[in-house]
Amino acid sequence: MRFVGWLVVLGACGRLDFDPSGARLGDGGAALTDGGADGSPLLGPDAAPCVPGPWGTPVALPGINSAADELGPWLSPDGLELFLSVGGLFTADIYRSVRSARSDPFPLPTLQDELSSASTDFDPMVSEDGLTLWLSHVGSGGTNYVTEASRPDRSTPFESLVPHFDLSDSSNEYGPTVDASQLTILFATTRLGSEKIMRAERADTDDLFELPEFVSELDSFGNDRGPSLRRDGLQLLLASTVTLGGPSRLRIADAVGDTFTTPQDFAPTAADGEQVDPSWVGDGRAIVYASDQAGGAGGYDLYMIERTCL
């Protein structure tokens, strides 16, 4: 199982704006937006409409994987900018790689000094506009807490790291993800014993978050990790250990109002080993995640699965 120090790490996410049409990727009814191999956007007004087809076969992210552990991926909607955490026990740091076109392999990731410390930093997640980054940091007391950073544009390094002690207690909080408004955050915590998903709200981005609440509908009664909500808010991915001592598997749930359906196995990524840290890309035509399945370059490697447009 994936451990960083004393815990299993994950990515998380929040509820996005609800689509009144009720269409879901799970039933093929949602109109997505397609990105081209030249780096054209996967979402936004300039993207071509797309009716999603079946999922393809997972492939390793080109140019990224090594003998080290690559974990916690976040890939920009245009498919060009990748943030990830690299490292294992007590050694994880934040890295970034940028490519010129989606048809190109990623160049060697570079350490982001402004986001990495002498301690452990992992599971970066970037806001929809690319200007706010959320990550998990191990503090001097040995517990994890959520941290936020910002930048004026995508070509500038992140700065102004701000710890979110409003989300913390004496346990570990990690793997944050926010919705499009950055008013809702989901993350994992050990405050209930095993790993569980919690959600918190705030009225304005300058406000503190209110008291987090347990998201009981996502509880597998094992360890639940890495929730990632699709951009339109209609589906959520997470990694769960549904059998005692078993590996983490990706699961998927539909969003219904402010709640979720019971997560089901996400069959397209089924393989030996573990699957962790899922992250939707853009409108949901692609997913990136980490796995220690056989045939990889190292311990955990990054994989991507896409669905074509019909």
Protein backbone atom coordinates (compact mmCIF):
# COMPACT_ATOMS: atom_id res chain seq x y z
CA MET A 1 0.00 0.00 0.00
CA ARG A 2 1.11 3.55 -0.59
CA PHE A 3 2.58 5.17 2.51
CA VAL A 4 4.39 8.47 2.95
CA GLY A 5 5.77 8.27 6.44
CA TRP A 6 2.94 7.24 8.73
CA LEU A 7 0.03 7.63 6.34
CA VAL A 8 -1.36 6.89 2.95
CA VAL A 9 -1.48 10.03 0.82
CA LEU A 10 -4.07 11.06 -1.68
CA GLY A 11 -5.53 13.82 -3.78
CA ALA A 12 -8.98 15.23 -3.19
CA CYS A 13 -11.50 17.56 -4.74
CA GLY A 14 -14.72 19.48 -4.28
CA ARG A 15 -18.21 19.88 -5.74
CA LEU A 16 -18.26 21.81 -9.02
CA ASP A 17 -21.17 23.72 -10.51
CA PHE A 18 -24.10 21.37 -11.11
CA ASP A 19 -25.22 20.77 -14.71
CA PRO A 20 -29.03 21.07 -14.81
CA SER A 21 -29.19 18.77 -17.84
CA GLY A 22 -28.38 15.81 -15.58
CA ALA A 23 -26.17 14.24 -18.27
CA ARG A 24 -23.35 12.06 -17.01
CA LEU A 25 -20.24 10.57 -18.53
CA GLY A 26 -21.25 7.26 -17.02
CA ASP A 27 -24.25 7.00 -19.34
CA GLY A 28 -22.58 8.71 -22.32
CA GLY A 29 -24.99 11.62 -22.25
CA ALA A 30 -22.69 14.51 -21.41
CA ALA A 31 -21.34 16.80 -24.09
CA LEU A 32 -17.64 17.23 -23.43
CA THR A 33 -15.07 19.37 -25.17
CA ASP A 34 -12.25 17.82 -27.11
CA GLY A 35 -8.61 18.83 -27.12
CA GLY A 36 -6.40 18.32 -30.14
CA ALA A 37 -2.91 16.91 -30.31
CA ASP A 38 -1.65 20.42 -31.06
CA GLY A 39 -2.54 21.51 -27.53
CA SER A 40 -5.99 22.95 -28.29
CA PRO A 41 -8.10 23.19 -25.13
CA LEU A 42 -10.03 20.33 -23.56
CA LEU A 43 -12.55 22.82 -22.23
CA GLY A 44 -13.78 26.36 -22.72
CA PRO A 45 -15.46 28.35 -25.50
CA ASP A 46 -12.77 27.54 -28.09
CA ALA A 47 -13.04 23.78 -27.66
CA ALA A 48 -14.94 21.55 -30.06
CA PRO A 49 -18.05 19.78 -28.67
CA CYS A 50 -17.67 16.08 -27.91
CA VAL A 51 -20.04 13.22 -27.15
CA PRO A 52 -17.86 10.79 -25.18
CA GLY A 53 -17.24 7.27 -26.39
CA PRO A 54 -15.78 4.30 -24.49
CA TRP A 55 -12.61 4.54 -22.43
CA GLY A 56 -9.39 3.46 -24.07
CA THR A 57 -6.48 1.55 -22.56
CA PRO A 58 -4.35 3.22 -19.83
CA VAL A 59 -0.89 4.28 -21.04
CA ALA A 60 2.13 5.53 -19.13
CA LEU A 61 2.60 9.31 -19.28
CA PRO A 62 5.48 9.75 -21.76
CA GLY A 63 8.77 11.10 -20.41
CA ILE A 64 7.72 11.22 -16.74
CA ASN A 65 8.17 7.86 -15.04
CA SER A 66 11.44 6.83 -13.41
CA ALA A 67 12.83 4.51 -10.75
CA ALA A 68 11.44 6.93 -8.13
CA ASP A 69 7.79 7.12 -7.04
CA GLU A 70 5.72 9.51 -9.17
CA LEU A 71 2.43 10.30 -7.43
CA GLY A 72 -0.36 12.85 -7.09
CA PRO A 73 -0.59 14.03 -10.72
CA TRP A 74 -2.48 17.11 -11.86
CA LEU A 75 -2.63 17.78 -15.63
CA SER A 76 -3.84 21.10 -17.03
CA PRO A 77 -6.95 21.14 -19.28
CA ASP A 78 -4.79 21.81 -22.37
CA GLY A 79 -2.64 18.79 -21.48
CA LEU A 80 0.58 20.80 -21.45
CA GLU A 81 1.40 21.49 -17.78
CA LEU A 82 1.89 18.71 -15.24
CA PHE A 83 2.39 18.98 -11.48
CA LEU A 84 3.23 15.89 -9.43
CA SER A 85 4.94 14.75 -6.26
CA VAL A 86 8.11 12.68 -6.51
CA GLY A 87 9.58 10.65 -3.66
CA GLY A 88 8.61 8.21 -0.94
CA LEU A 89 9.02 8.02 2.80
CA PHE A 90 9.66 11.50 4.21
CA THR A 91 11.15 12.64 0.87
CA ALA A 92 8.32 13.73 -1.41
CA ASP A 93 8.63 17.10 -3.17
CA ILE A 94 6.64 18.99 -5.79
CA TYR A 95 7.79 18.84 -9.41
CA ARG A 96 6.55 20.40 -12.65
CA SER A 97 6.91 19.58 -16.34
CA VAL A 98 5.67 21.55 -19.36
CA ARG A 99 5.51 20.34 -22.97
CA SER A 100 4.84 22.27 -26.18
CA ALA A 101 2.14 20.01 -27.63
CA ARG A 102 0.00 17.14 -26.40
CA SER A 103 1.65 14.87 -28.95
CA ASP A 104 5.07 15.46 -27.33
CA PRO A 105 6.53 13.54 -24.37
CA PHE A 106 7.00 15.53 -21.19
CA PRO A 107 10.52 16.75 -20.48
CA LEU A 108 12.24 15.76 -17.25
CA PRO A 109 10.24 17.27 -14.33
CA THR A 110 11.96 20.03 -12.36
CA LEU A 111 11.83 20.55 -8.61
CA GLN A 112 9.66 23.48 -7.56
CA ASP A 113 11.73 25.00 -4.76
CA GLU A 114 9.05 27.48 -3.79
CA LEU A 115 6.60 24.61 -3.14
CA SER A 116 9.01 22.14 -1.55
CA SER A 117 10.48 22.18 1.93
CA ALA A 118 12.92 20.19 4.05
CA SER A 119 9.89 18.15 5.10
CA THR A 120 7.42 16.28 2.86
CA ASP A 121 5.22 18.04 0.29
CA PHE A 122 2.85 16.08 -1.91
CA ASP A 123 -0.37 15.82 -3.94
CA PRO A 124 -0.53 19.18 -5.74
CA MET A 125 -3.88 20.27 -7.16
CA VAL A 126 -4.31 23.42 -9.27
CA SER A 127 -7.44 25.52 -9.67
CA GLU A 128 -9.28 25.65 -12.98
CA ASP A 129 -7.66 28.96 -13.98
CA GLY A 130 -4.18 27.63 -13.17
CA LEU A 131 -3.42 30.40 -10.67
CA THR A 132 -3.98 28.74 -7.28
CA LEU A 133 -2.28 25.56 -6.09
CA TRP A 134 -3.26 23.43 -3.12
CA LEU A 135 -0.95 20.81 -1.62
CA SER A 136 -0.26 18.74 1.48
CA HIS A 137 2.64 19.60 3.78
CA VAL A 138 4.10 17.75 6.75
CA GLY A 139 4.67 20.29 9.50
CA SER A 140 7.35 20.40 12.18
CA GLY A 141 5.08 18.50 14.57
CA GLY A 142 4.88 15.56 12.18
CA THR A 143 1.25 15.98 11.12
CA ASN A 144 -0.05 16.96 7.69
CA TYR A 145 -1.99 20.08 6.86
CA VAL A 146 -3.36 21.76 3.75
CA THR A 147 -1.42 24.64 2.16
CA GLU A 148 -2.40 27.12 -0.57
CA ALA A 149 -0.18 29.06 -2.99
CA SER A 150 -0.88 31.53 -5.80
CA ARG A 151 0.71 33.02 -8.93
CA PRO A 152 -0.27 35.90 -11.24
CA ASP A 153 -0.03 33.83 -14.44
CA ARG A 154 0.92 30.32 -15.60
CA SER A 155 4.44 31.32 -16.62
CA THR A 156 5.30 32.58 -13.11
CA PRO A 157 6.30 30.38 -10.13
CA PHE A 158 3.83 29.98 -7.28
CA GLU A 159 4.43 32.03 -4.13
CA SER A 160 2.72 33.17 -0.93
CA LEU A 161 2.27 29.77 0.72
CA VAL A 162 -0.60 29.96 3.22
CA PRO A 163 -1.34 27.11 5.68
CA HIS A 164 -5.01 26.26 6.22
CA PHE A 165 -5.06 25.53 9.93
CA ASP A 166 -8.81 26.17 9.77
CA LEU A 167 -9.08 22.65 8.32
CA SER A 168 -6.75 21.00 10.81
CA ASP A 169 -7.02 19.25 14.14
CA SER A 170 -4.51 16.97 15.88
CA SER A 171 -4.76 14.35 13.11
CA ASN A 172 -3.58 14.43 9.48
CA GLU A 173 -5.29 16.36 6.67
CA TYR A 174 -4.04 15.90 3.12
CA GLY A 175 -4.88 15.58 -0.55
CA PRO A 176 -7.00 18.76 -0.96
CA THR A 177 -9.09 19.63 -3.98
CA VAL A 178 -11.36 22.63 -4.42
CA ASP A 179 -14.29 23.25 -6.75
CA ALA A 180 -14.30 25.84 -9.53
CA SER A 181 -15.33 28.63 -7.15
CA GLN A 182 -12.72 27.57 -4.55
CA LEU A 183 -15.46 27.81 -1.93
CA THR A 184 -15.77 24.04 -1.41
CA ILE A 185 -12.87 21.78 -0.48
CA LEU A 186 -12.66 18.02 -0.04
CA PHE A 187 -9.71 16.25 1.55
CA ALA A 188 -8.76 13.10 3.42
CA THR A 189 -8.24 12.90 7.14
CA THR A 190 -7.31 10.34 9.76
CA ARG A 191 -9.32 12.11 12.48
CA LEU A 192 -11.98 9.37 12.34
CA GLY A 193 -9.44 6.57 12.68
CA SER A 194 -8.97 5.20 9.17
CA GLU A 195 -8.79 7.46 6.12
CA LYS A 196 -12.07 9.21 5.37
CA ILE A 197 -13.19 12.05 3.10
CA MET A 198 -14.34 15.36 4.57
CA ARG A 199 -15.80 18.49 3.00
CA ALA A 200 -15.76 22.12 4.10
CA GLU A 201 -17.36 25.31 2.76
CA ARG A 202 -16.65 29.04 2.92
CA ALA A 203 -18.60 32.06 1.74
CA ASP A 204 -15.71 33.90 0.07
CA THR A 205 -12.17 33.05 -1.00
CA ASP A 206 -10.85 35.47 1.63
CA ASP A 207 -12.74 33.66 4.41
CA LEU A 208 -11.73 30.73 6.57
CA PHE A 209 -13.42 27.41 5.89
CA GLU A 210 -16.22 26.30 8.17
CA LEU A 211 -15.96 23.15 10.26
CA PRO A 212 -15.34 20.15 7.95
CA GLU A 213 -18.00 17.44 7.72
CA PHE A 214 -17.63 13.71 7.04
CA VAL A 215 -18.88 12.70 3.55
CA SER A 216 -20.54 9.47 4.68
CA GLU A 217 -21.90 8.47 1.27
CA LEU A 218 -18.33 7.92 0.01
CA ASP A 219 -17.40 5.67 2.94
CA SER A 220 -16.27 2.20 1.87
CA PHE A 221 -15.70 1.13 5.52
CA GLY A 222 -12.05 0.74 4.53
CA ASN A 223 -9.63 3.51 3.58
CA ASP A 224 -10.97 6.10 1.13
CA ARG A 225 -8.43 8.24 -0.70
CA GLY A 226 -7.95 10.61 -3.57
CA PRO A 227 -11.42 11.86 -4.49
CA SER A 228 -11.44 13.91 -7.69
CA LEU A 229 -14.61 15.58 -8.92
CA ARG A 230 -15.15 16.06 -12.63
CA ARG A 231 -15.19 19.69 -13.76
CA ASP A 232 -18.97 19.75 -14.38
CA GLY A 233 -19.53 18.28 -10.92
CA LEU A 234 -21.44 15.22 -12.11
CA GLN A 235 -19.01 12.43 -11.23
CA LEU A 236 -16.37 11.76 -8.62
CA LEU A 237 -13.41 9.39 -8.68
CA LEU A 238 -11.63 8.10 -5.59
CA ALA A 239 -9.35 5.27 -4.48
CA SER A 240 -10.64 2.85 -1.84
CA THR A 241 -9.51 -0.30 -0.09
CA VAL A 242 -12.77 -2.20 0.08
CA THR A 243 -11.23 -5.40 1.47
CA LEU A 244 -9.18 -5.57 4.67
CA GLY A 245 -5.51 -5.28 3.77
CA GLY A 246 -6.33 -5.19 0.06
CA PRO A 247 -4.96 -2.80 -2.57
CA SER A 248 -6.49 0.54 -3.49
CA ARG A 249 -8.74 0.51 -6.54
CA LEU A 250 -10.28 3.43 -8.40
CA ARG A 251 -14.02 3.82 -7.91
CA ILE A 252 -16.56 6.23 -9.38
CA ALA A 253 -19.73 7.85 -8.01
CA ASP A 254 -22.38 10.14 -9.47
CA ALA A 255 -23.10 13.48 -7.82
CA VAL A 256 -26.77 13.96 -6.96
CA GLY A 257 -27.40 17.43 -5.62
CA ASP A 258 -25.08 17.83 -2.63
CA THR A 259 -24.57 14.11 -2.15
CA PHE A 260 -23.18 11.12 -4.08
CA THR A 261 -24.32 7.69 -5.13
CA THR A 262 -22.52 4.61 -3.77
CA PRO A 263 -19.09 4.39 -5.47
CA GLN A 264 -18.66 1.56 -7.99
CA ASP A 265 -15.50 -0.03 -9.37
CA PHE A 266 -13.98 1.94 -12.25
CA ALA A 267 -13.25 -1.01 -14.51
CA PRO A 268 -11.20 0.76 -17.25
CA THR A 269 -8.18 1.09 -14.93
CA ALA A 270 -8.37 -2.35 -13.35
CA ALA A 271 -4.90 -3.96 -13.15
CA ASP A 272 -2.63 -5.72 -10.73
CA GLY A 273 -1.15 -3.61 -7.94
CA GLU A 274 -2.70 -0.41 -6.64
CA GLN A 275 -4.33 2.54 -8.36
CA VAL A 276 -4.25 5.83 -6.40
CA ASP A 277 -4.48 9.61 -6.81
CA PRO A 278 -6.97 9.86 -9.70
CA SER A 279 -7.42 13.30 -11.28
CA TRP A 280 -9.87 14.35 -14.00
CA VAL A 281 -8.37 16.34 -16.86
CA GLY A 282 -10.41 19.22 -18.26
CA ASP A 283 -14.05 18.34 -18.90
CA GLY A 284 -13.43 14.67 -18.21
CA ARG A 285 -12.21 13.22 -21.50
CA ALA A 286 -9.08 12.01 -19.71
CA ILE A 287 -7.95 10.85 -16.27
CA VAL A 288 -4.43 10.69 -14.83
CA TYR A 289 -3.54 8.52 -11.85
CA ALA A 290 -0.67 6.64 -10.18
CA SER A 291 -0.17 2.88 -10.01
CA ASP A 292 2.47 0.40 -8.94
CA GLN A 293 1.24 -2.19 -11.46
CA ALA A 294 3.70 -4.58 -13.08
CA GLY A 295 5.75 -3.37 -16.04
CA GLY A 296 6.33 0.16 -14.78
CA ALA A 297 9.57 2.10 -14.53
CA GLY A 298 9.74 2.18 -10.74
CA GLY A 299 7.54 1.93 -7.66
CA TYR A 300 4.56 4.14 -8.54
CA ASP A 301 4.26 5.52 -12.08
CA LEU A 302 1.80 7.89 -13.73
CA TYR A 303 -0.77 6.68 -16.24
CA MET A 304 -3.38 8.36 -18.40
CA ILE A 305 -6.61 6.99 -19.84
CA GLU A 306 -8.67 8.82 -22.45
CA ARG A 307 -12.02 8.43 -24.10
CA THR A 308 -12.58 9.35 -27.72
CA CYS A 309 -15.35 11.54 -29.09
CA LEU A 310 -18.07 9.79 -31.09
